[in-house]
Amino acid sequence: MKTKLVNFEIGKKGLTREFIDAIEKTFKKHELVKVSVLKSATRNKEETRKIAQEICSELKNKENKEFTAKIIGFTIFIRKWRKKPKQKKK
């Protein structure tokens, strides 16, 4: 089933290439991923926001699709868009 929530954790190693690859593989079968930022990674809200942006931009570059991140506390929820966003008319 595609809607099951998959959990990941970012620890003291931080955001690595292997971590991004694992999330990318997960999005082939799921559309929502939960990433918990552990205390050993950071306890700064701004750094958590930067991590979320970096994950979304890396995934967008790899898969050529849009991803959004919602941050609650030190937890990041990443969702893959089903459809491409509509282009604004000029």
PDB file of N, CA and C in Angstrom:
ATOM      1  N   MET A   1       0.836  -1.189   0.000  1.00  0.00           N
ATOM      2  CA  MET A   1       0.000   0.000   0.000  1.00  0.00           C
ATOM      3  C   MET A   1       0.874   1.243   0.000  1.00  0.00           C
ATOM      4  N   LYS A   2       0.516   2.230  -0.764  1.00  0.00           N
ATOM      5  CA  LYS A   2       1.351   3.415  -0.943  1.00  0.00           C
ATOM      6  C   LYS A   2       1.297   4.416   0.201  1.00  0.00           C
ATOM      7  N   THR A   3       0.322   4.391   1.053  1.00  0.00           N
ATOM      8  CA  THR A   3       0.176   5.450   2.044  1.00  0.00           C
ATOM      9  C   THR A   3       0.876   5.153   3.370  1.00  0.00           C
ATOM     10  N   LYS A   4       1.485   4.003   3.530  1.00  0.00           N
ATOM     11  CA  LYS A   4       2.156   3.673   4.775  1.00  0.00           C
ATOM     12  C   LYS A   4       3.310   4.643   5.031  1.00  0.00           C
ATOM     13  N   LEU A   5       3.429   5.093   6.258  1.00  0.00           N
ATOM     14  CA  LEU A   5       4.470   6.038   6.653  1.00  0.00           C
ATOM     15  C   LEU A   5       5.764   5.283   6.933  1.00  0.00           C
ATOM     16  N   VAL A   6       6.868   5.747   6.374  1.00  0.00           N
ATOM     17  CA  VAL A   6       8.175   5.133   6.558  1.00  0.00           C
ATOM     18  C   VAL A   6       9.031   6.072   7.397  1.00  0.00           C
ATOM     19  N   ASN A   7       9.722   5.531   8.409  1.00  0.00           N
ATOM     20  CA  ASN A   7      10.510   6.334   9.340  1.00  0.00           C
ATOM     21  C   ASN A   7      12.007   6.246   9.047  1.00  0.00           C
ATOM     22  N   PHE A   8      12.671   7.394   9.118  1.00  0.00           N
ATOM     23  CA  PHE A   8      14.126   7.488   9.022  1.00  0.00           C
ATOM     24  C   PHE A   8      14.601   8.356  10.172  1.00  0.00           C
ATOM     25  N   GLU A   9      15.904   8.229  10.519  1.00  0.00           N
ATOM     26  CA  GLU A   9      16.487   9.055  11.567  1.00  0.00           C
ATOM     27  C   GLU A   9      17.811   9.630  11.080  1.00  0.00           C
ATOM     28  N   ILE A  10      18.029  10.908  11.393  1.00  0.00           N
ATOM     29  CA  ILE A  10      19.318  11.545  11.106  1.00  0.00           C
ATOM     30  C   ILE A  10      20.054  11.661  12.433  1.00  0.00           C
ATOM     31  N   GLY A  11      21.249  11.091  12.478  1.00  0.00           N
ATOM     32  CA  GLY A  11      22.043  11.112  13.697  1.00  0.00           C
ATOM     33  C   GLY A  11      23.292  11.948  13.552  1.00  0.00           C
ATOM     34  N   LYS A  12      24.347  11.525  14.248  1.00  0.00           N
ATOM     35  CA  LYS A  12      25.572  12.326  14.292  1.00  0.00           C
ATOM     36  C   LYS A  12      26.301  12.406  12.958  1.00  0.00           C
ATOM     37  N   LYS A  13      26.074  11.454  12.039  1.00  0.00           N
ATOM     38  CA  LYS A  13      26.701  11.530  10.717  1.00  0.00           C
ATOM     39  C   LYS A  13      26.069  12.613   9.856  1.00  0.00           C
ATOM     40  N   GLY A  14      24.863  13.016  10.203  1.00  0.00           N
ATOM     41  CA  GLY A  14      24.186  14.060   9.449  1.00  0.00           C
ATOM     42  C   GLY A  14      23.614  13.529   8.151  1.00  0.00           C
ATOM     43  N   LEU A  15      23.465  14.410   7.202  1.00  0.00           N
ATOM     44  CA  LEU A  15      22.868  14.079   5.908  1.00  0.00           C
ATOM     45  C   LEU A  15      23.960  13.540   4.983  1.00  0.00           C
ATOM     46  N   THR A  16      23.856  12.262   4.621  1.00  0.00           N
ATOM     47  CA  THR A  16      24.860  11.636   3.763  1.00  0.00           C
ATOM     48  C   THR A  16      24.243  11.225   2.438  1.00  0.00           C
ATOM     49  N   ARG A  17      25.086  10.884   1.486  1.00  0.00           N
ATOM     50  CA  ARG A  17      24.634  10.426   0.170  1.00  0.00           C
ATOM     51  C   ARG A  17      23.814   9.143   0.304  1.00  0.00           C
ATOM     52  N   GLU A  18      24.241   8.237   1.193  1.00  0.00           N
ATOM     53  CA  GLU A  18      23.528   6.975   1.404  1.00  0.00           C
ATOM     54  C   GLU A  18      22.133   7.224   1.966  1.00  0.00           C
ATOM     55  N   PHE A  19      22.026   8.223   2.833  1.00  0.00           N
ATOM     56  CA  PHE A  19      20.729   8.571   3.419  1.00  0.00           C
ATOM     57  C   PHE A  19      19.771   9.049   2.327  1.00  0.00           C
ATOM     58  N   ILE A  20      20.235   9.928   1.458  1.00  0.00           N
ATOM     59  CA  ILE A  20      19.419  10.442   0.350  1.00  0.00           C
ATOM     60  C   ILE A  20      19.016   9.295  -0.576  1.00  0.00           C
ATOM     61  N   ASP A  21      19.959   8.391  -0.881  1.00  0.00           N
ATOM     62  CA  ASP A  21      19.656   7.252  -1.750  1.00  0.00           C
ATOM     63  C   ASP A  21      18.584   6.352  -1.141  1.00  0.00           C
ATOM     64  N   ALA A  22      18.655   6.133   0.174  1.00  0.00           N
ATOM     65  CA  ALA A  22      17.656   5.300   0.849  1.00  0.00           C
ATOM     66  C   ALA A  22      16.264   5.937   0.779  1.00  0.00           C
ATOM     67  N   ILE A  23      16.205   7.247   0.967  1.00  0.00           N
ATOM     68  CA  ILE A  23      14.914   7.942   0.870  1.00  0.00           C
ATOM     69  C   ILE A  23      14.394   7.880  -0.562  1.00  0.00           C
ATOM     70  N   GLU A  24      15.281   8.045  -1.521  1.00  0.00           N
ATOM     71  CA  GLU A  24      14.874   7.979  -2.931  1.00  0.00           C
ATOM     72  C   GLU A  24      14.263   6.620  -3.262  1.00  0.00           C
ATOM     73  N   LYS A  25      14.879   5.545  -2.796  1.00  0.00           N
ATOM     74  CA  LYS A  25      14.345   4.197  -3.038  1.00  0.00           C
ATOM     75  C   LYS A  25      12.992   4.014  -2.358  1.00  0.00           C
ATOM     76  N   THR A  26      12.827   4.612  -1.193  1.00  0.00           N
ATOM     77  CA  THR A  26      11.568   4.495  -0.455  1.00  0.00           C
ATOM     78  C   THR A  26      10.429   5.150  -1.220  1.00  0.00           C
ATOM     79  N   PHE A  27      10.710   6.267  -1.891  1.00  0.00           N
ATOM     80  CA  PHE A  27       9.661   6.986  -2.621  1.00  0.00           C
ATOM     81  C   PHE A  27       9.189   6.241  -3.868  1.00  0.00           C
ATOM     82  N   LYS A  28       9.836   5.162  -4.238  1.00  0.00           N
ATOM     83  CA  LYS A  28       9.353   4.359  -5.360  1.00  0.00           C
ATOM     84  C   LYS A  28       8.087   3.597  -4.985  1.00  0.00           C
ATOM     85  N   LYS A  29       7.912   3.302  -3.678  1.00  0.00           N
ATOM     86  CA  LYS A  29       6.738   2.558  -3.219  1.00  0.00           C
ATOM     87  C   LYS A  29       5.843   3.345  -2.263  1.00  0.00           C
ATOM     88  N   HIS A  30       6.356   4.432  -1.719  1.00  0.00           N
ATOM     89  CA  HIS A  30       5.609   5.214  -0.735  1.00  0.00           C
ATOM     90  C   HIS A  30       5.596   6.678  -1.149  1.00  0.00           C
ATOM     91  N   GLU A  31       4.645   7.426  -0.625  1.00  0.00           N
ATOM     92  CA  GLU A  31       4.597   8.848  -0.963  1.00  0.00           C
ATOM     93  C   GLU A  31       4.817   9.761   0.235  1.00  0.00           C
ATOM     94  N   LEU A  32       5.016   9.186   1.430  1.00  0.00           N
ATOM     95  CA  LEU A  32       5.249   9.989   2.626  1.00  0.00           C
ATOM     96  C   LEU A  32       6.367   9.365   3.457  1.00  0.00           C
ATOM     97  N   VAL A  33       7.333  10.198   3.855  1.00  0.00           N
ATOM     98  CA  VAL A  33       8.466   9.743   4.656  1.00  0.00           C
ATOM     99  C   VAL A  33       8.592  10.650   5.877  1.00  0.00           C
ATOM    100  N   LYS A  34       8.848  10.036   7.024  1.00  0.00           N
ATOM    101  CA  LYS A  34       9.057  10.778   8.272  1.00  0.00           C
ATOM    102  C   LYS A  34      10.534  10.676   8.635  1.00  0.00           C
ATOM    103  N   VAL A  35      11.177  11.833   8.833  1.00  0.00           N
ATOM    104  CA  VAL A  35      12.592  11.875   9.194  1.00  0.00           C
ATOM    105  C   VAL A  35      12.699  12.521  10.578  1.00  0.00           C
ATOM    106  N   SER A  36      13.184  11.755  11.531  1.00  0.00           N
ATOM    107  CA  SER A  36      13.396  12.284  12.882  1.00  0.00           C
ATOM    108  C   SER A  36      14.829  12.776  12.999  1.00  0.00           C
ATOM    109  N   VAL A  37      14.991  14.006  13.465  1.00  0.00           N
ATOM    110  CA  VAL A  37      16.322  14.580  13.666  1.00  0.00           C
ATOM    111  C   VAL A  37      16.690  14.345  15.131  1.00  0.00           C
ATOM    112  N   LEU A  38      17.681  13.496  15.340  1.00  0.00           N
ATOM    113  CA  LEU A  38      18.081  13.145  16.701  1.00  0.00           C
ATOM    114  C   LEU A  38      18.912  14.252  17.340  1.00  0.00           C
ATOM    115  N   LYS A  39      19.028  14.209  18.657  1.00  0.00           N
ATOM    116  CA  LYS A  39      19.802  15.226  19.379  1.00  0.00           C
ATOM    117  C   LYS A  39      21.260  15.251  18.949  1.00  0.00           C
ATOM    118  N   SER A  40      21.791  14.086  18.579  1.00  0.00           N
ATOM    119  CA  SER A  40      23.200  14.034  18.167  1.00  0.00           C
ATOM    120  C   SER A  40      23.439  14.745  16.835  1.00  0.00           C
ATOM    121  N   ALA A  41      22.384  14.968  16.049  1.00  0.00           N
ATOM    122  CA  ALA A  41      22.514  15.686  14.773  1.00  0.00           C
ATOM    123  C   ALA A  41      22.446  17.196  15.009  1.00  0.00           C
ATOM    124  N   THR A  42      21.347  17.651  15.591  1.00  0.00           N
ATOM    125  CA  THR A  42      21.186  19.076  15.890  1.00  0.00           C
ATOM    126  C   THR A  42      19.970  19.289  16.788  1.00  0.00           C
ATOM    127  N   ARG A  43      19.975  20.395  17.487  1.00  0.00           N
ATOM    128  CA  ARG A  43      18.798  20.827  18.238  1.00  0.00           C
ATOM    129  C   ARG A  43      18.511  22.275  17.905  1.00  0.00           C
ATOM    130  N   ASN A  44      18.833  22.648  16.687  1.00  0.00           N
ATOM    131  CA  ASN A  44      18.617  23.997  16.201  1.00  0.00           C
ATOM    132  C   ASN A  44      17.530  23.939  15.135  1.00  0.00           C
ATOM    133  N   LYS A  45      16.478  24.713  15.313  1.00  0.00           N
ATOM    134  CA  LYS A  45      15.350  24.699  14.369  1.00  0.00           C
ATOM    135  C   LYS A  45      15.776  25.146  12.969  1.00  0.00           C
ATOM    136  N   GLU A  46      16.655  26.128  12.894  1.00  0.00           N
ATOM    137  CA  GLU A  46      17.100  26.625  11.598  1.00  0.00           C
ATOM    138  C   GLU A  46      17.882  25.551  10.844  1.00  0.00           C
ATOM    139  N   GLU A  47      18.732  24.812  11.532  1.00  0.00           N
ATOM    140  CA  GLU A  47      19.477  23.723  10.893  1.00  0.00           C
ATOM    141  C   GLU A  47      18.531  22.619  10.435  1.00  0.00           C
ATOM    142  N   THR A  48      17.499  22.352  11.205  1.00  0.00           N
ATOM    143  CA  THR A  48      16.498  21.356  10.811  1.00  0.00           C
ATOM    144  C   THR A  48      15.799  21.801   9.540  1.00  0.00           C
ATOM    145  N   ARG A  49      15.487  23.074   9.436  1.00  0.00           N
ATOM    146  CA  ARG A  49      14.858  23.619   8.235  1.00  0.00           C
ATOM    147  C   ARG A  49      15.789  23.485   7.024  1.00  0.00           C
ATOM    148  N   LYS A  50      17.083  23.730   7.224  1.00  0.00           N
ATOM    149  CA  LYS A  50      18.057  23.600   6.144  1.00  0.00           C
ATOM    150  C   LYS A  50      18.182  22.144   5.694  1.00  0.00           C
ATOM    151  N   ILE A  51      18.145  21.217   6.632  1.00  0.00           N
ATOM    152  CA  ILE A  51      18.199  19.794   6.299  1.00  0.00           C
ATOM    153  C   ILE A  51      17.008  19.412   5.441  1.00  0.00           C
ATOM    154  N   ALA A  52      15.824  19.886   5.813  1.00  0.00           N
ATOM    155  CA  ALA A  52      14.607  19.582   5.051  1.00  0.00           C
ATOM    156  C   ALA A  52      14.705  20.130   3.636  1.00  0.00           C
ATOM    157  N   GLN A  53      15.184  21.351   3.491  1.00  0.00           N
ATOM    158  CA  GLN A  53      15.326  21.955   2.162  1.00  0.00           C
ATOM    159  C   GLN A  53      16.343  21.195   1.316  1.00  0.00           C
ATOM    160  N   GLU A  54      17.425  20.781   1.940  1.00  0.00           N
ATOM    161  CA  GLU A  54      18.459  20.051   1.203  1.00  0.00           C
ATOM    162  C   GLU A  54      17.953  18.685   0.734  1.00  0.00           C
ATOM    163  N   ILE A  55      17.204  17.995   1.589  1.00  0.00           N
ATOM    164  CA  ILE A  55      16.638  16.702   1.201  1.00  0.00           C
ATOM    165  C   ILE A  55      15.702  16.882   0.012  1.00  0.00           C
ATOM    166  N   CYS A  56      14.815  17.857   0.085  1.00  0.00           N
ATOM    167  CA  CYS A  56      13.858  18.091  -1.003  1.00  0.00           C
ATOM    168  C   CYS A  56      14.562  18.463  -2.306  1.00  0.00           C
ATOM    169  N   SER A  57      15.577  19.315  -2.233  1.00  0.00           N
ATOM    170  CA  SER A  57      16.270  19.717  -3.461  1.00  0.00           C
ATOM    171  C   SER A  57      17.057  18.556  -4.066  1.00  0.00           C
ATOM    172  N   GLU A  58      17.680  17.732  -3.236  1.00  0.00           N
ATOM    173  CA  GLU A  58      18.407  16.564  -3.746  1.00  0.00           C
ATOM    174  C   GLU A  58      17.454  15.586  -4.427  1.00  0.00           C
ATOM    175  N   LEU A  59      16.302  15.340  -3.793  1.00  0.00           N
ATOM    176  CA  LEU A  59      15.324  14.422  -4.376  1.00  0.00           C
ATOM    177  C   LEU A  59      14.757  14.977  -5.673  1.00  0.00           C
ATOM    178  N   LYS A  60      14.527  16.282  -5.707  1.00  0.00           N
ATOM    179  CA  LYS A  60      14.004  16.910  -6.925  1.00  0.00           C
ATOM    180  C   LYS A  60      14.998  16.759  -8.070  1.00  0.00           C
ATOM    181  N   ASN A  61      16.278  16.942  -7.792  1.00  0.00           N
ATOM    182  CA  ASN A  61      17.304  16.790  -8.824  1.00  0.00           C
ATOM    183  C   ASN A  61      17.402  15.355  -9.329  1.00  0.00           C
ATOM    184  N   LYS A  62      17.237  14.391  -8.425  1.00  0.00           N
ATOM    185  CA  LYS A  62      17.369  12.985  -8.805  1.00  0.00           C
ATOM    186  C   LYS A  62      16.146  12.462  -9.547  1.00  0.00           C
ATOM    187  N   GLU A  63      14.969  12.787  -9.072  1.00  0.00           N
ATOM    188  CA  GLU A  63      13.747  12.211  -9.617  1.00  0.00           C
ATOM    189  C   GLU A  63      12.995  13.132 -10.565  1.00  0.00           C
ATOM    190  N   ASN A  64      13.378  14.389 -10.623  1.00  0.00           N
ATOM    191  CA  ASN A  64      12.714  15.372 -11.480  1.00  0.00           C
ATOM    192  C   ASN A  64      11.230  15.519 -11.142  1.00  0.00           C
ATOM    193  N   LYS A  65      10.924  15.446  -9.854  1.00  0.00           N
ATOM    194  CA  LYS A  65       9.566  15.656  -9.350  1.00  0.00           C
ATOM    195  C   LYS A  65       9.651  16.591  -8.165  1.00  0.00           C
ATOM    196  N   GLU A  66       8.512  17.153  -7.796  1.00  0.00           N
ATOM    197  CA  GLU A  66       8.468  18.090  -6.664  1.00  0.00           C
ATOM    198  C   GLU A  66       8.267  17.341  -5.347  1.00  0.00           C
ATOM    199  N   PHE A  67       8.918  17.815  -4.302  1.00  0.00           N
ATOM    200  CA  PHE A  67       8.786  17.280  -2.958  1.00  0.00           C
ATOM    201  C   PHE A  67       8.549  18.447  -2.007  1.00  0.00           C
ATOM    202  N   THR A  68       7.706  18.225  -1.013  1.00  0.00           N
ATOM    203  CA  THR A  68       7.476  19.244   0.005  1.00  0.00           C
ATOM    204  C   THR A  68       7.825  18.677   1.369  1.00  0.00           C
ATOM    205  N   ALA A  69       8.236  19.559   2.259  1.00  0.00           N
ATOM    206  CA  ALA A  69       8.595  19.153   3.613  1.00  0.00           C
ATOM    207  C   ALA A  69       7.793  19.968   4.613  1.00  0.00           C
ATOM    208  N   LYS A  70       7.284  19.285   5.627  1.00  0.00           N
ATOM    209  CA  LYS A  70       6.588  19.934   6.736  1.00  0.00           C
ATOM    210  C   LYS A  70       7.360  19.579   7.995  1.00  0.00           C
ATOM    211  N   ILE A  71       7.696  20.596   8.778  1.00  0.00           N
ATOM    212  CA  ILE A  71       8.491  20.378   9.982  1.00  0.00           C
ATOM    213  C   ILE A  71       7.614  20.580  11.214  1.00  0.00           C
ATOM    214  N   ILE A  72       7.604  19.568  12.073  1.00  0.00           N
ATOM    215  CA  ILE A  72       6.901  19.640  13.351  1.00  0.00           C
ATOM    216  C   ILE A  72       7.911  19.273  14.426  1.00  0.00           C
ATOM    217  N   GLY A  73       8.289  20.261  15.218  1.00  0.00           N
ATOM    218  CA  GLY A  73       9.326  20.031  16.218  1.00  0.00           C
ATOM    219  C   GLY A  73      10.638  19.737  15.530  1.00  0.00           C
ATOM    220  N   PHE A  74      11.202  18.558  15.788  1.00  0.00           N
ATOM    221  CA  PHE A  74      12.419  18.112  15.121  1.00  0.00           C
ATOM    222  C   PHE A  74      12.133  16.894  14.255  1.00  0.00           C
ATOM    223  N   THR A  75      10.946  16.879  13.690  1.00  0.00           N
ATOM    224  CA  THR A  75      10.525  15.821  12.781  1.00  0.00           C
ATOM    225  C   THR A  75      10.160  16.446  11.442  1.00  0.00           C
ATOM    226  N   ILE A  76      10.659  15.850  10.375  1.00  0.00           N
ATOM    227  CA  ILE A  76      10.414  16.348   9.025  1.00  0.00           C
ATOM    228  C   ILE A  76       9.555  15.331   8.287  1.00  0.00           C
ATOM    229  N   PHE A  77       8.432  15.780   7.746  1.00  0.00           N
ATOM    230  CA  PHE A  77       7.576  14.933   6.922  1.00  0.00           C
ATOM    231  C   PHE A  77       7.784  15.361   5.471  1.00  0.00           C
ATOM    232  N   ILE A  78       8.199  14.423   4.629  1.00  0.00           N
ATOM    233  CA  ILE A  78       8.464  14.719   3.223  1.00  0.00           C
ATOM    234  C   ILE A  78       7.449  13.981   2.372  1.00  0.00           C
ATOM    235  N   ARG A  79       6.813  14.715   1.469  1.00  0.00           N
ATOM    236  CA  ARG A  79       5.795  14.138   0.593  1.00  0.00           C
ATOM    237  C   ARG A  79       6.159  14.403  -0.865  1.00  0.00           C
ATOM    238  N   LYS A  80       5.969  13.378  -1.692  1.00  0.00           N
ATOM    239  CA  LYS A  80       6.186  13.522  -3.129  1.00  0.00           C
ATOM    240  C   LYS A  80       4.877  13.945  -3.766  1.00  0.00           C
ATOM    241  N   TRP A  81       4.943  14.959  -4.616  1.00  0.00           N
ATOM    242  CA  TRP A  81       3.744  15.431  -5.308  1.00  0.00           C
ATOM    243  C   TRP A  81       3.321  14.407  -6.333  1.00  0.00           C
ATOM    244  N   ARG A  82       2.044  14.197  -6.443  1.00  0.00           N
ATOM    245  CA  ARG A  82       1.520  13.243  -7.424  1.00  0.00           C
ATOM    246  C   ARG A  82       1.553  13.821  -8.831  1.00  0.00           C
ATOM    247  N   LYS A  83       1.198  15.083  -8.930  1.00  0.00           N
ATOM    248  CA  LYS A  83       1.148  15.739 -10.230  1.00  0.00           C
ATOM    249  C   LYS A  83       2.143  16.883 -10.256  1.00  0.00           C
ATOM    250  N   LYS A  84       2.549  17.238 -11.444  1.00  0.00           N
ATOM    251  CA  LYS A  84       3.427  18.397 -11.568  1.00  0.00           C
ATOM    252  C   LYS A  84       2.621  19.652 -11.302  1.00  0.00           C
ATOM    253  N   PRO A  85       3.246  20.674 -10.693  1.00  0.00           N
ATOM    254  CA  PRO A  85       2.505  21.913 -10.445  1.00  0.00           C
ATOM    255  C   PRO A  85       2.133  22.603 -11.753  1.00  0.00           C
ATOM    256  N   LYS A  86       1.003  23.272 -11.748  1.00  0.00           N
ATOM    257  CA  LYS A  86       0.548  23.975 -12.951  1.00  0.00           C
ATOM    258  C   LYS A  86       1.430  25.189 -13.187  1.00  0.00           C
ATOM    259  N   GLN A  87       1.710  25.425 -14.440  1.00  0.00           N
ATOM    260  CA  GLN A  87       2.506  26.591 -14.826  1.00  0.00           C
ATOM    261  C   GLN A  87       1.613  27.824 -14.819  1.00  0.00           C
ATOM    262  N   LYS A  88       2.132  28.920 -14.323  1.00  0.00           N
ATOM    263  CA  LYS A  88       1.376  30.176 -14.324  1.00  0.00           C
ATOM    264  C   LYS A  88       1.357  30.746 -15.733  1.00  0.00           C
ATOM    265  N   LYS A  89       0.205  31.246 -16.119  1.00  0.00           N
ATOM    266  CA  LYS A  89       0.074  31.861 -17.436  1.00  0.00           C
ATOM    267  C   LYS A  89       0.651  33.252 -17.396  1.00  0.00           C
ATOM    268  N   LYS A  90       1.290  33.633 -18.473  1.00  0.00           N
ATOM    269  CA  LYS A  90       1.881  34.978 -18.548  1.00  0.00           C
ATOM    270  C   LYS A  90       0.970  35.931 -19.232  1.00  0.00           C
TER     271      LYS A  90
END
